[in-house]
Amino acid sequence: MLPGFAAAQAGSPAKPAPEPVRASIAAGKAEEVCMRLERGDTLHWRFSADVPLSFNLHQHLDSKVDMPVNLRAMRADDGRFVATHSNDWCLMWTAPKDRAAVLEGQWSKTPAASK
């Protein structure tokens, strides 16, 4: 039997594969990655950039934007967020107005049921 196969058969949840994030962001522009999170899902992100970026995690609620994570002047971050309710959530990085940026990182989500 293959090494990881027995664990999968026993009902052990597989660790989610991270999704890569790579972008060249023009000065003053943004890169956004959105995903569906169900209540209790955990979102993990990790990134680095060659210049300080603004970074946020947000969701749209009708005409309002809820932004539980809002960081400024970050060259890197490694964070986690547990969804308070089911919705589409977005990670967004914004380059400074006067400089382009190169972003590299990843994100993954862990369903609440597999914790």
N, C-alpha and C. Protein backbone atom coordinates (compact mmCIF):
# COMPACT_ATOMS: atom_id res chain seq x y z
N MET A 1 0.85 -1.18 0.00
CA MET A 1 0.00 0.00 0.00
C MET A 1 0.89 1.24 0.00
N LEU A 2 0.49 2.29 -0.71
CA LEU A 2 1.24 3.53 -0.76
C LEU A 2 1.20 4.23 0.59
N PRO A 3 2.28 4.92 1.00
CA PRO A 3 2.35 5.53 2.33
C PRO A 3 1.18 6.43 2.69
N GLY A 4 0.76 7.36 1.92
CA GLY A 4 -0.32 8.27 2.29
C GLY A 4 -1.70 7.67 2.10
N PHE A 5 -1.80 6.52 1.46
CA PHE A 5 -3.09 5.94 1.13
C PHE A 5 -3.82 5.43 2.37
N ALA A 6 -3.12 4.81 3.29
CA ALA A 6 -3.75 4.28 4.49
C ALA A 6 -4.38 5.41 5.30
N ALA A 7 -3.69 6.54 5.43
CA ALA A 7 -4.23 7.67 6.19
C ALA A 7 -5.48 8.21 5.52
N ALA A 8 -5.46 8.29 4.19
CA ALA A 8 -6.64 8.79 3.47
C ALA A 8 -7.82 7.84 3.66
N GLN A 9 -7.56 6.54 3.63
CA GLN A 9 -8.63 5.57 3.82
C GLN A 9 -9.19 5.64 5.23
N ALA A 10 -8.34 5.96 6.21
CA ALA A 10 -8.77 6.00 7.60
C ALA A 10 -9.59 7.25 7.91
N GLY A 11 -9.77 8.13 6.95
CA GLY A 11 -10.59 9.32 7.14
C GLY A 11 -9.80 10.54 7.55
N SER A 12 -8.48 10.48 7.52
CA SER A 12 -7.67 11.66 7.83
C SER A 12 -7.80 12.66 6.70
N PRO A 13 -8.15 13.90 7.02
CA PRO A 13 -8.29 14.88 5.94
C PRO A 13 -6.93 15.21 5.32
N ALA A 14 -6.92 15.34 4.02
CA ALA A 14 -5.70 15.73 3.32
C ALA A 14 -5.47 17.21 3.55
N LYS A 15 -4.22 17.59 3.73
CA LYS A 15 -3.88 19.00 3.88
C LYS A 15 -4.08 19.68 2.52
N PRO A 16 -4.79 20.82 2.49
CA PRO A 16 -5.04 21.47 1.20
C PRO A 16 -3.75 21.97 0.57
N ALA A 17 -3.66 21.80 -0.73
CA ALA A 17 -2.49 22.31 -1.46
C ALA A 17 -2.59 23.82 -1.56
N PRO A 18 -1.49 24.53 -1.29
CA PRO A 18 -1.53 25.99 -1.40
C PRO A 18 -1.69 26.43 -2.85
N GLU A 19 -2.40 27.53 -3.02
CA GLU A 19 -2.56 28.15 -4.34
C GLU A 19 -1.51 29.24 -4.47
N PRO A 20 -0.74 29.24 -5.55
CA PRO A 20 0.29 30.27 -5.70
C PRO A 20 -0.29 31.64 -6.06
N VAL A 21 0.42 32.68 -5.64
CA VAL A 21 0.10 34.05 -6.02
C VAL A 21 1.40 34.67 -6.51
N ARG A 22 1.43 35.06 -7.77
CA ARG A 22 2.60 35.73 -8.35
C ARG A 22 2.07 36.83 -9.26
N ALA A 23 2.60 38.03 -9.08
CA ALA A 23 2.11 39.13 -9.90
C ALA A 23 3.12 40.26 -9.95
N SER A 24 3.15 40.92 -11.09
CA SER A 24 3.82 42.21 -11.23
C SER A 24 2.71 43.25 -11.17
N ILE A 25 2.76 44.11 -10.18
CA ILE A 25 1.67 45.07 -9.95
C ILE A 25 2.17 46.46 -10.34
N ALA A 26 1.49 47.09 -11.26
CA ALA A 26 1.86 48.44 -11.71
C ALA A 26 1.69 49.43 -10.56
N ALA A 27 2.43 50.52 -10.61
CA ALA A 27 2.36 51.57 -9.58
C ALA A 27 0.91 52.01 -9.37
N GLY A 28 0.46 52.00 -8.11
CA GLY A 28 -0.88 52.43 -7.77
C GLY A 28 -1.99 51.45 -8.10
N LYS A 29 -1.66 50.29 -8.64
CA LYS A 29 -2.66 49.29 -9.02
C LYS A 29 -2.69 48.16 -8.00
N ALA A 30 -3.66 47.25 -8.16
CA ALA A 30 -3.85 46.17 -7.18
C ALA A 30 -3.93 44.81 -7.86
N GLU A 31 -3.63 43.80 -7.09
CA GLU A 31 -3.82 42.40 -7.45
C GLU A 31 -4.79 41.83 -6.43
N GLU A 32 -5.80 41.10 -6.91
CA GLU A 32 -6.82 40.57 -6.02
C GLU A 32 -7.06 39.10 -6.33
N VAL A 33 -7.20 38.30 -5.28
CA VAL A 33 -7.52 36.88 -5.40
C VAL A 33 -8.71 36.62 -4.49
N CYS A 34 -9.77 36.06 -5.06
CA CYS A 34 -10.99 35.81 -4.29
C CYS A 34 -11.29 34.32 -4.23
N MET A 35 -11.93 33.92 -3.12
CA MET A 35 -12.30 32.54 -2.94
C MET A 35 -13.55 32.46 -2.06
N ARG A 36 -14.24 31.35 -2.14
CA ARG A 36 -15.42 31.12 -1.30
C ARG A 36 -14.97 30.52 0.02
N LEU A 37 -15.40 31.13 1.11
CA LEU A 37 -15.16 30.57 2.44
C LEU A 37 -16.50 30.33 3.11
N GLU A 38 -16.63 29.16 3.70
CA GLU A 38 -17.82 28.86 4.49
C GLU A 38 -17.53 29.22 5.94
N ARG A 39 -18.56 29.44 6.71
CA ARG A 39 -18.39 29.81 8.12
C ARG A 39 -17.50 28.78 8.82
N GLY A 40 -16.46 29.26 9.49
CA GLY A 40 -15.54 28.38 10.21
C GLY A 40 -14.34 27.93 9.42
N ASP A 41 -14.35 28.13 8.09
CA ASP A 41 -13.16 27.80 7.29
C ASP A 41 -12.00 28.70 7.71
N THR A 42 -10.80 28.17 7.64
CA THR A 42 -9.61 28.95 7.95
C THR A 42 -8.86 29.27 6.66
N LEU A 43 -8.57 30.53 6.45
CA LEU A 43 -7.77 30.98 5.31
C LEU A 43 -6.37 31.30 5.82
N HIS A 44 -5.37 30.78 5.14
CA HIS A 44 -3.97 31.06 5.48
C HIS A 44 -3.32 31.70 4.27
N TRP A 45 -2.56 32.76 4.48
CA TRP A 45 -1.81 33.39 3.39
C TRP A 45 -0.38 33.63 3.83
N ARG A 46 0.48 33.70 2.85
CA ARG A 46 1.89 34.03 3.07
C ARG A 46 2.35 34.73 1.80
N PHE A 47 3.05 35.87 1.95
CA PHE A 47 3.55 36.56 0.76
C PHE A 47 4.78 37.36 1.10
N SER A 48 5.50 37.72 0.05
CA SER A 48 6.61 38.67 0.15
C SER A 48 6.59 39.51 -1.12
N ALA A 49 7.16 40.71 -1.02
CA ALA A 49 7.19 41.64 -2.14
C ALA A 49 8.50 42.41 -2.11
N ASP A 50 8.87 42.96 -3.25
CA ASP A 50 10.14 43.69 -3.33
C ASP A 50 10.02 45.13 -2.83
N VAL A 51 8.80 45.63 -2.66
CA VAL A 51 8.56 46.94 -2.08
C VAL A 51 7.39 46.82 -1.09
N PRO A 52 7.26 47.74 -0.14
CA PRO A 52 6.13 47.67 0.80
C PRO A 52 4.79 47.87 0.07
N LEU A 53 3.84 46.99 0.38
CA LEU A 53 2.51 47.02 -0.23
C LEU A 53 1.45 47.26 0.84
N SER A 54 0.30 47.72 0.40
CA SER A 54 -0.88 47.67 1.25
C SER A 54 -1.52 46.32 1.00
N PHE A 55 -2.04 45.69 2.07
CA PHE A 55 -2.64 44.36 1.96
C PHE A 55 -3.91 44.34 2.77
N ASN A 56 -4.95 43.71 2.22
CA ASN A 56 -6.17 43.54 3.01
C ASN A 56 -6.88 42.24 2.65
N LEU A 57 -7.71 41.81 3.57
CA LEU A 57 -8.67 40.73 3.35
C LEU A 57 -10.03 41.37 3.51
N HIS A 58 -10.89 41.20 2.51
CA HIS A 58 -12.20 41.85 2.58
C HIS A 58 -13.29 40.99 1.96
N GLN A 59 -14.52 41.41 2.25
CA GLN A 59 -15.71 40.83 1.62
C GLN A 59 -16.67 41.97 1.32
N HIS A 60 -17.52 41.75 0.34
CA HIS A 60 -18.54 42.74 -0.01
C HIS A 60 -19.87 42.31 0.59
N LEU A 61 -20.49 43.20 1.34
CA LEU A 61 -21.80 42.97 1.95
C LEU A 61 -22.74 44.04 1.42
N ASP A 62 -23.52 43.67 0.43
CA ASP A 62 -24.38 44.62 -0.26
C ASP A 62 -23.51 45.78 -0.77
N SER A 63 -23.75 47.00 -0.28
CA SER A 63 -22.97 48.14 -0.77
C SER A 63 -21.79 48.47 0.15
N LYS A 64 -21.59 47.66 1.21
CA LYS A 64 -20.51 47.92 2.15
C LYS A 64 -19.37 46.91 1.95
N VAL A 65 -18.18 47.31 2.37
CA VAL A 65 -17.01 46.43 2.34
C VAL A 65 -16.57 46.19 3.78
N ASP A 66 -16.51 44.92 4.16
CA ASP A 66 -16.03 44.52 5.48
C ASP A 66 -14.58 44.09 5.31
N MET A 67 -13.66 44.73 6.06
CA MET A 67 -12.23 44.50 5.90
C MET A 67 -11.60 44.13 7.25
N PRO A 68 -11.67 42.84 7.64
CA PRO A 68 -11.13 42.46 8.94
C PRO A 68 -9.60 42.51 9.03
N VAL A 69 -8.92 42.48 7.89
CA VAL A 69 -7.46 42.62 7.86
C VAL A 69 -7.14 43.77 6.93
N ASN A 70 -6.39 44.77 7.43
CA ASN A 70 -6.03 45.93 6.62
C ASN A 70 -4.65 46.41 7.07
N LEU A 71 -3.62 46.05 6.31
CA LEU A 71 -2.23 46.35 6.67
C LEU A 71 -1.61 47.31 5.66
N ARG A 72 -0.71 48.15 6.14
CA ARG A 72 -0.03 49.13 5.27
C ARG A 72 1.46 48.87 5.31
N ALA A 73 2.13 49.19 4.21
CA ALA A 73 3.59 49.15 4.10
C ALA A 73 4.17 47.81 4.55
N MET A 74 3.67 46.73 3.95
CA MET A 74 4.12 45.38 4.29
C MET A 74 4.95 44.79 3.15
N ARG A 75 6.16 44.37 3.46
CA ARG A 75 6.97 43.62 2.47
C ARG A 75 6.67 42.14 2.54
N ALA A 76 6.13 41.68 3.68
CA ALA A 76 5.82 40.27 3.86
C ALA A 76 4.78 40.13 4.96
N ASP A 77 4.04 39.04 4.89
CA ASP A 77 3.10 38.71 5.94
C ASP A 77 2.79 37.22 5.87
N ASP A 78 2.41 36.67 7.00
CA ASP A 78 2.03 35.27 7.13
C ASP A 78 0.87 35.27 8.12
N GLY A 79 -0.35 35.10 7.64
CA GLY A 79 -1.49 35.24 8.53
C GLY A 79 -2.56 34.19 8.32
N ARG A 80 -3.50 34.20 9.25
CA ARG A 80 -4.64 33.29 9.23
C ARG A 80 -5.91 34.07 9.59
N PHE A 81 -7.03 33.58 9.05
CA PHE A 81 -8.32 34.19 9.34
C PHE A 81 -9.36 33.08 9.35
N VAL A 82 -10.23 33.08 10.34
CA VAL A 82 -11.34 32.14 10.39
C VAL A 82 -12.60 32.89 9.97
N ALA A 83 -13.26 32.40 8.94
CA ALA A 83 -14.44 33.08 8.39
C ALA A 83 -15.58 33.13 9.41
N THR A 84 -16.10 34.31 9.62
CA THR A 84 -17.19 34.51 10.56
C THR A 84 -18.54 34.11 9.97
N HIS A 85 -18.62 34.09 8.64
CA HIS A 85 -19.81 33.61 7.95
C HIS A 85 -19.45 33.29 6.50
N SER A 86 -20.33 32.57 5.84
CA SER A 86 -20.09 32.14 4.46
C SER A 86 -20.23 33.31 3.50
N ASN A 87 -19.22 33.46 2.62
CA ASN A 87 -19.26 34.52 1.62
C ASN A 87 -18.03 34.37 0.72
N ASP A 88 -17.98 35.18 -0.32
CA ASP A 88 -16.77 35.29 -1.13
C ASP A 88 -15.86 36.29 -0.43
N TRP A 89 -14.61 35.89 -0.19
CA TRP A 89 -13.62 36.73 0.48
C TRP A 89 -12.48 36.98 -0.49
N CYS A 90 -11.82 38.13 -0.38
CA CYS A 90 -10.74 38.50 -1.30
C CYS A 90 -9.50 38.97 -0.56
N LEU A 91 -8.36 38.48 -1.02
CA LEU A 91 -7.05 38.99 -0.61
C LEU A 91 -6.67 40.04 -1.63
N MET A 92 -6.18 41.22 -1.20
CA MET A 92 -5.82 42.27 -2.16
C MET A 92 -4.53 42.96 -1.73
N TRP A 93 -3.63 43.08 -2.71
CA TRP A 93 -2.35 43.76 -2.53
C TRP A 93 -2.33 44.97 -3.44
N THR A 94 -1.91 46.13 -2.92
CA THR A 94 -1.86 47.36 -3.72
C THR A 94 -0.45 47.93 -3.67
N ALA A 95 0.09 48.20 -4.85
CA ALA A 95 1.44 48.79 -4.96
C ALA A 95 1.38 50.26 -4.60
N PRO A 96 2.50 50.82 -4.13
CA PRO A 96 2.54 52.27 -3.87
C PRO A 96 2.25 53.06 -5.14
N LYS A 97 1.79 54.28 -4.99
CA LYS A 97 1.44 55.10 -6.15
C LYS A 97 2.64 55.41 -7.05
N ASP A 98 3.84 55.40 -6.46
CA ASP A 98 5.02 55.80 -7.24
C ASP A 98 5.94 54.64 -7.65
N ARG A 99 5.57 53.40 -7.34
CA ARG A 99 6.46 52.27 -7.66
C ARG A 99 5.66 51.02 -8.01
N ALA A 100 6.15 50.30 -9.00
CA ALA A 100 5.60 48.99 -9.31
C ALA A 100 6.13 48.00 -8.28
N ALA A 101 5.49 46.83 -8.19
CA ALA A 101 5.88 45.83 -7.20
C ALA A 101 5.84 44.44 -7.81
N VAL A 102 6.68 43.57 -7.28
CA VAL A 102 6.64 42.16 -7.63
C VAL A 102 6.21 41.41 -6.37
N LEU A 103 5.13 40.65 -6.50
CA LEU A 103 4.53 39.91 -5.39
C LEU A 103 4.70 38.42 -5.63
N GLU A 104 5.02 37.70 -4.57
CA GLU A 104 5.07 36.24 -4.64
C GLU A 104 4.56 35.68 -3.33
N GLY A 105 3.69 34.68 -3.40
CA GLY A 105 3.17 34.09 -2.18
C GLY A 105 2.25 32.93 -2.46
N GLN A 106 1.43 32.62 -1.47
CA GLN A 106 0.48 31.52 -1.61
C GLN A 106 -0.64 31.69 -0.59
N TRP A 107 -1.74 30.99 -0.85
CA TRP A 107 -2.85 30.95 0.09
C TRP A 107 -3.45 29.55 0.06
N SER A 108 -4.11 29.20 1.15
CA SER A 108 -4.83 27.93 1.21
C SER A 108 -5.99 28.08 2.19
N LYS A 109 -6.97 27.21 2.06
CA LYS A 109 -8.07 27.24 3.01
C LYS A 109 -8.27 25.83 3.55
N THR A 110 -8.65 25.79 4.82
CA THR A 110 -8.94 24.53 5.48
C THR A 110 -10.40 24.56 5.87
N PRO A 111 -11.20 23.65 5.35
CA PRO A 111 -12.62 23.62 5.69
C PRO A 111 -12.84 23.39 7.18
N ALA A 112 -13.87 24.00 7.72
CA ALA A 112 -14.18 23.86 9.14
C ALA A 112 -14.39 22.40 9.52
N ALA A 113 -14.98 21.63 8.63
CA ALA A 113 -15.29 20.24 8.93
C ALA A 113 -14.05 19.37 9.10
N SER A 114 -12.90 19.80 8.57
CA SER A 114 -11.71 18.96 8.62
C SER A 114 -10.78 19.31 9.77
N LYS A 115 -11.21 20.21 10.65
CA LYS A 115 -10.36 20.61 11.78
C LYS A 115 -10.49 19.63 12.92
